Structures are given as C-alpha cells and as structure tokens.
C-alpha atoms as a PDB file:
ATOM      1  CA  MET A   1       0.355  15.591   7.012  1.00  0.00           C
ATOM      2  CA  VAL A   2      -3.374  15.517   6.276  1.00  0.00           C
ATOM      3  CA  LEU A   3      -5.098  12.330   7.403  1.00  0.00           C
ATOM      4  CA  ALA A   4      -8.701  11.387   6.862  1.00  0.00           C
ATOM      5  CA  ILE A   5     -10.683   9.961   9.733  1.00  0.00           C
ATOM      6  CA  THR A   6     -13.884   8.792   8.161  1.00  0.00           C
ATOM      7  CA  VAL A   7     -16.386   6.112   8.866  1.00  0.00           C
ATOM      8  CA  THR A   8     -16.051   3.274   6.395  1.00  0.00           C
ATOM      9  CA  PRO A   9     -19.052   3.255   4.071  1.00  0.00           C
ATOM     10  CA  ALA A  10     -21.677   0.581   4.451  1.00  0.00           C
ATOM     11  CA  GLN A  11     -21.950  -1.987   1.691  1.00  0.00           C
ATOM     12  CA  GLY A  12     -23.163  -0.325  -1.499  1.00  0.00           C
ATOM     13  CA  GLN A  13     -22.526   3.239  -0.309  1.00  0.00           C
ATOM     14  CA  THR A  14     -19.839   5.626  -1.469  1.00  0.00           C
ATOM     15  CA  PRO A  15     -17.229   7.147   0.856  1.00  0.00           C
ATOM     16  CA  ALA A  16     -17.465  10.738   2.076  1.00  0.00           C
ATOM     17  CA  SER A  17     -17.157  13.445  -0.580  1.00  0.00           C
ATOM     18  CA  SER A  18     -13.792  14.480   0.923  1.00  0.00           C
ATOM     19  CA  ILE A  19     -12.536  11.134  -0.414  1.00  0.00           C
ATOM     20  CA  THR A  20     -14.452  10.829  -3.700  1.00  0.00           C
ATOM     21  CA  ASN A  21     -13.536  14.415  -4.662  1.00  0.00           C
ATOM     22  CA  ALA A  22      -9.884  14.238  -3.544  1.00  0.00           C
ATOM     23  CA  THR A  23      -7.379  15.203  -6.252  1.00  0.00           C
ATOM     24  CA  TRP A  24      -3.712  14.455  -6.824  1.00  0.00           C
ATOM     25  CA  LYS A  25      -2.983  18.209  -6.794  1.00  0.00           C
ATOM     26  CA  GLN A  26      -4.512  18.571  -3.299  1.00  0.00           C
ATOM     27  CA  TYR A  27      -2.585  15.698  -1.737  1.00  0.00           C
ATOM     28  CA  ARG A  28       0.644  15.233  -3.711  1.00  0.00           C
ATOM     29  CA  ASP A  29       2.774  16.732  -0.924  1.00  0.00           C
ATOM     30  CA  GLU A  30       1.610  13.977   1.454  1.00  0.00           C
ATOM     31  CA  TYR A  31       3.455  11.293  -0.534  1.00  0.00           C
ATOM     32  CA  MET A  32       7.165  10.765  -0.011  1.00  0.00           C
ATOM     33  CA  PRO A  33       9.140   9.439  -2.979  1.00  0.00           C
ATOM     34  CA  SER A  34      10.319   5.837  -2.976  1.00  0.00           C
ATOM     35  CA  PRO A  35      13.414   4.558  -4.780  1.00  0.00           C
ATOM     36  CA  LEU A  36      11.170   1.748  -6.065  1.00  0.00           C
ATOM     37  CA  CYS A  37       8.560   3.987  -7.713  1.00  0.00           C
ATOM     38  CA  ALA A  38       9.144   5.981 -10.922  1.00  0.00           C
ATOM     39  CA  LYS A  39       8.819   9.773 -10.924  1.00  0.00           C
ATOM     40  CA  ASP A  40       5.421   9.545 -12.639  1.00  0.00           C
ATOM     41  CA  GLU A  41       4.142   7.066 -10.009  1.00  0.00           C
ATOM     42  CA  ILE A  42       2.806   7.540  -6.484  1.00  0.00           C
ATOM     43  CA  ALA A  43       4.368   5.675  -3.575  1.00  0.00           C
ATOM     44  CA  LEU A  44       1.050   4.824  -1.887  1.00  0.00           C
ATOM     45  CA  TRP A  45       2.882   3.028   0.914  1.00  0.00           C
ATOM     46  CA  SER A  46       6.562   2.501   1.723  1.00  0.00           C
ATOM     47  CA  CYS A  47       8.527   0.690   4.363  1.00  0.00           C
ATOM     48  CA  MET A  48      12.265   0.725   5.000  1.00  0.00           C
ATOM     49  CA  GLU A  49      13.870  -1.923   7.158  1.00  0.00           C
ATOM     50  CA  HIS A  50      17.682  -1.974   7.290  1.00  0.00           C
ATOM     51  CA  GLN A  51      18.843  -2.355   3.651  1.00  0.00           C
ATOM     52  CA  ARG A  52      15.416  -3.445   2.407  1.00  0.00           C
ATOM     53  CA  VAL A  53      12.731  -1.231   0.890  1.00  0.00           C
ATOM     54  CA  PHE A  54       9.104  -2.224   0.257  1.00  0.00           C
ATOM     55  CA  SER A  55       6.675  -0.008  -1.685  1.00  0.00           C
ATOM     56  CA  LEU A  56       3.206  -0.043  -3.186  1.00  0.00           C
ATOM     57  CA  CYS A  57       3.580   1.998  -6.381  1.00  0.00           C
ATOM     58  CA  SER A  58       0.651   3.308  -8.393  1.00  0.00           C
ATOM     59  CA  SER A  59      -0.204   5.286 -11.472  1.00  0.00           C
ATOM     60  CA  ARG A  60      -1.672   8.676 -10.529  1.00  0.00           C
ATOM     61  CA  VAL A  61      -5.105   7.688 -11.773  1.00  0.00           C
ATOM     62  CA  VAL A  62      -6.520   4.216 -11.184  1.00  0.00           C
ATOM     63  CA  THR A  63      -9.963   2.890 -12.058  1.00  0.00           C
ATOM     64  CA  ARG A  64     -11.473  -0.565 -12.354  1.00  0.00           C
ATOM     65  CA  THR A  65     -10.250  -0.765 -15.973  1.00  0.00           C
ATOM     66  CA  SER A  66      -7.183   1.483 -16.215  1.00  0.00           C
ATOM     67  CA  GLY A  67      -4.075   2.390 -14.272  1.00  0.00           C
ATOM     68  CA  TYR A  68      -2.202   0.037 -11.964  1.00  0.00           C
ATOM     69  CA  MET A  69      -0.834  -0.717  -8.514  1.00  0.00           C
ATOM     70  CA  GLN A  70       2.273  -2.820  -8.023  1.00  0.00           C
ATOM     71  CA  TYR A  71       4.046  -4.003  -4.864  1.00  0.00           C
ATOM     72  CA  ARG A  72       7.846  -3.926  -5.106  1.00  0.00           C
ATOM     73  CA  ALA A  73      10.630  -5.034  -2.778  1.00  0.00           C
ATOM     74  CA  SER A  74      14.378  -4.476  -2.908  1.00  0.00           C
ATOM     75  CA  ASP A  75      17.398  -5.549  -0.908  1.00  0.00           C
ATOM     76  CA  GLU A  76      20.539  -3.392  -0.935  1.00  0.00           C
ATOM     77  CA  GLY A  77      19.142  -1.442  -3.892  1.00  0.00           C
ATOM     78  CA  LYS A  78      18.373  -4.462  -6.100  1.00  0.00           C
ATOM     79  CA  LEU A  79      14.756  -5.212  -7.025  1.00  0.00           C
ATOM     80  CA  THR A  80      13.958  -8.653  -5.595  1.00  0.00           C
ATOM     81  CA  PHE A  81      10.169  -8.942  -5.934  1.00  0.00           C
ATOM     82  CA  MET A  82       7.367  -7.336  -7.912  1.00  0.00           C
ATOM     83  CA  PHE A  83       3.653  -8.178  -7.736  1.00  0.00           C
ATOM     84  CA  PRO A  84       1.832  -8.439  -9.995  1.00  0.00           C
ATOM     85  CA  SER A  85       4.603  -9.079 -12.500  1.00  0.00           C
ATOM     86  CA  VAL A  86       2.907  -6.819 -15.074  1.00  0.00           C
ATOM     87  CA  LYS A  87       1.242  -3.453 -14.501  1.00  0.00           C
ATOM     88  CA  ARG A  88      -2.535  -3.899 -14.497  1.00  0.00           C
ATOM     89  CA  PRO A  89      -5.650  -2.522 -12.789  1.00  0.00           C
ATOM     90  CA  PRO A  90      -5.675  -3.714  -9.152  1.00  0.00           C
ATOM     91  CA  LYS A  91      -9.225  -5.066  -8.943  1.00  0.00           C
ATOM     92  CA  GLY A  92      -9.068  -8.774  -8.140  1.00  0.00           C
ATOM     93  CA  VAL A  93      -5.389  -8.482  -7.150  1.00  0.00           C
ATOM     94  CA  PHE A  94      -5.366  -6.243  -4.064  1.00  0.00           C
ATOM     95  CA  LYS A  95      -7.839  -5.683  -1.229  1.00  0.00           C
ATOM     96  CA  TYR A  96      -7.864  -2.400   0.710  1.00  0.00           C
ATOM     97  CA  THR A  97      -9.487  -2.138   4.126  1.00  0.00           C
ATOM     98  CA  SER A  98     -10.104   1.069   6.066  1.00  0.00           C
ATOM     99  CA  PHE A  99     -10.805   0.219   9.701  1.00  0.00           C
ATOM    100  CA  MET A 100     -13.068   2.180  12.042  1.00  0.00           C
ATOM    101  CA  ASN A 101     -10.098   3.040  14.318  1.00  0.00           C
ATOM    102  CA  GLY A 102      -8.220   4.819  11.489  1.00  0.00           C
ATOM    103  CA  ASP A 103      -5.920   1.909  10.590  1.00  0.00           C
ATOM    104  CA  ALA A 104      -5.724   0.703   6.990  1.00  0.00           C
ATOM    105  CA  SER A 105      -4.297  -2.276   5.124  1.00  0.00           C
ATOM    106  CA  VAL A 106      -3.659  -3.572   1.631  1.00  0.00           C
ATOM    107  CA  GLU A 107      -3.618  -7.340   1.180  1.00  0.00           C
ATOM    108  CA  PHE A 108      -2.698  -9.701  -1.637  1.00  0.00           C
ATOM    109  CA  VAL A 109      -1.781 -13.346  -2.213  1.00  0.00           C
ATOM    110  CA  ASN A 110       1.115 -14.556  -4.369  1.00  0.00           C
ATOM    111  CA  ASN A 111       1.932 -18.267  -4.793  1.00  0.00           C
ATOM    112  CA  GLY A 112       0.001 -19.038  -1.613  1.00  0.00           C
ATOM    113  CA  TYR A 113       1.884 -16.458   0.475  1.00  0.00           C
ATOM    114  CA  GLN A 114      -0.445 -13.922   2.075  1.00  0.00           C
ATOM    115  CA  TYR A 115       0.861 -10.359   2.362  1.00  0.00           C
ATOM    116  CA  ALA A 116      -0.656  -7.553   4.420  1.00  0.00           C
ATOM    117  CA  LEU A 117       0.724  -4.009   4.257  1.00  0.00           C
ATOM    118  CA  PHE A 118      -0.547  -2.442   7.453  1.00  0.00           C
ATOM    119  CA  ASP A 119      -0.655   1.248   8.377  1.00  0.00           C
ATOM    120  CA  SER A 120      -1.549   1.940  11.981  1.00  0.00           C
ATOM    121  CA  PHE A 121      -3.053   5.345  12.679  1.00  0.00           C
ATOM    122  CA  ARG A 122      -1.401   5.501  16.106  1.00  0.00           C
ATOM    123  CA  ALA A 123       1.797   3.486  15.625  1.00  0.00           C
ATOM    124  CA  GLY A 124       4.250   2.297  12.990  1.00  0.00           C
ATOM    125  CA  SER A 125       3.657   0.423   9.776  1.00  0.00           C
ATOM    126  CA  SER A 126       4.273  -3.281   9.223  1.00  0.00           C
ATOM    127  CA  ILE A 127       4.253  -6.008   6.618  1.00  0.00           C
ATOM    128  CA  PHE A 128       2.811  -9.367   7.616  1.00  0.00           C
ATOM    129  CA  VAL A 129       3.685 -12.421   5.506  1.00  0.00           C
ATOM    130  CA  THR A 130       2.048 -15.809   6.040  1.00  0.00           C
ATOM    131  CA  ALA A 131       3.481 -18.890   4.316  1.00  0.00           C
ATOM    132  CA  PRO A 132       1.087 -21.268   2.544  1.00  0.00           C
ATOM    133  CA  GLY A 133      -0.564 -23.677   4.975  1.00  0.00           C
ATOM    134  CA  SER A 134       1.485 -22.361   7.885  1.00  0.00           C
ATOM    135  CA  PRO A 135      -0.051 -22.855  11.339  1.00  0.00           C
ATOM    136  CA  GLN A 136       2.439 -20.316  12.732  1.00  0.00           C
ATOM    137  CA  ALA A 137       1.806 -16.627  13.202  1.00  0.00           C
ATOM    138  CA  PRO A 138       2.724 -14.431  10.237  1.00  0.00           C
ATOM    139  CA  THR A 139       6.240 -13.037   9.934  1.00  0.00           C
ATOM    140  CA  GLU A 140       6.166  -9.326  10.745  1.00  0.00           C
ATOM    141  CA  ILE A 141       8.506  -6.716   9.306  1.00  0.00           C
ATOM    142  CA  GLN A 142       8.209  -3.506  11.309  1.00  0.00           C
ATOM    143  CA  CYS A 143       9.018  -0.166   9.761  1.00  0.00           C
ATOM    144  CA  GLU A 144       8.597   3.523  10.335  1.00  0.00           C
ATOM    145  CA  SER A 145       5.125   4.948  10.127  1.00  0.00           C
ATOM    146  CA  SER A 146       3.978   5.544   6.565  1.00  0.00           C
ATOM    147  CA  GLN A 147       0.360   6.617   7.149  1.00  0.00           C
ATOM    148  CA  THR A 148      -0.288   7.220   3.472  1.00  0.00           C
ATOM    149  CA  LEU A 149      -2.923   4.497   3.238  1.00  0.00           C
ATOM    150  CA  GLN A 150      -5.202   6.889   5.163  1.00  0.00           C
ATOM    151  CA  VAL A 151      -4.658   9.911   2.884  1.00  0.00           C
ATOM    152  CA  ASN A 152      -7.883  10.917   1.130  1.00  0.00           C
ATOM    153  CA  TYR A 153      -6.365  10.580  -2.350  1.00  0.00           C
ATOM    154  CA  THR A 154      -5.120   7.043  -1.601  1.00  0.00           C
ATOM    155  CA  MET A 155      -8.582   6.160  -0.355  1.00  0.00           C
ATOM    156  CA  ARG A 156     -10.101   7.594  -3.529  1.00  0.00           C
ATOM    157  CA  LEU A 157      -7.799   5.464  -5.709  1.00  0.00           C
ATOM    158  CA  MET A 158      -8.707   2.378  -3.680  1.00  0.00           C
ATOM    159  CA  TYR A 159     -12.422   3.110  -4.051  1.00  0.00           C
ATOM    160  CA  ASP A 160     -12.254   4.049  -7.751  1.00  0.00           C
ATOM    161  CA  SER A 161     -10.249   0.907  -8.553  1.00  0.00           C
ATOM    162  CA  GLY A 162     -12.746  -1.397  -6.838  1.00  0.00           C
ATOM    163  CA  VAL A 163     -10.405  -2.780  -4.156  1.00  0.00           C
ATOM    164  CA  TRP A 164     -11.954  -0.979  -1.142  1.00  0.00           C
ATOM    165  CA  THR A 165     -13.645  -3.320   1.323  1.00  0.00           C
ATOM    166  CA  GLN A 166     -15.528  -2.543   4.488  1.00  0.00           C
ATOM    167  CA  ASP A 167     -14.588  -3.762   7.954  1.00  0.00           C
END
C-alpha cells in the first residue's frame, strides 16, 4: 500500500505535486472493491462491521462541477442509507480533512445527524455519528483499517472537488 505523508497546505496553497499529479492508473491497485460501489466507481473508504458495510463511493474523476461522491450503508446485503440521495459533485456536501499526524476524515451532515468517516494512520478506521442536539459523545462504529483516505489519488479528488480543508 502506498500512503502519502504530506504536510497539509496552508490556506490558499495547493497540495504537493505528488497529490495534484496523482492519476487513477498509478493508484488503482490501492483501492479494494466494495459491494456498495459499482465497478466503474472507486471505493474511497469502506468499513465492515458484522453484517453491515459502509462505503464512500466516487466517480473516478471529480471536480467542483462534475463527478460525485456518495456515502452508502447496507445491513445484511440490503442498502439502508445513501447520502446524498442523488449523485452530485461533493462540494458543499462533504468536508475532507488531512491531519498533520497522517490521519484523515470525511464529514457530512444529514437531517441534523453528524457523520465522520475517520481513517487513522496508525490504527483502525471508525465512523462517528452524533445525533442532533445530543449532549452525549458520538456513537462510534469501529472497523478494520481502510487507510484509503490518505492515498494520493483520494487526496487529489478531495482537493479537485473543493472539499479539502486544512487542520
């Protein structure tokens, strides 16, 4: 597996050229298929927990105005949740953060529920879900390490689509 350890760009700067020049052909072997993503899609992030599968599926090319990212969840093989409900460019829907320690996350809000897909560089992956107005800690679903949010091509898609934030 090829992982990128790069310093997150300062506001208004572009990421390293190893990210902005990354191609699908270079990195396609880093992505494992997901039963929730079509053959012509990339599983940017996946999590399996017992009979449930969670995936962030994407078109192979995503910009601010074209392509899409879509979060999908299934239970015992049946699709139970899809966000957004229609395929659309991810800007304004998702937020990607690449942390200085190598961790990365994708966040979104649906009907007041806050979701965070988290990829730890040194440990497993998790999903954190916070109910609207809840004073309690988020519910965490732990899963095997995915580490595809740190792949250079994923980072390029996040940057090109306008969802990359700095932290």
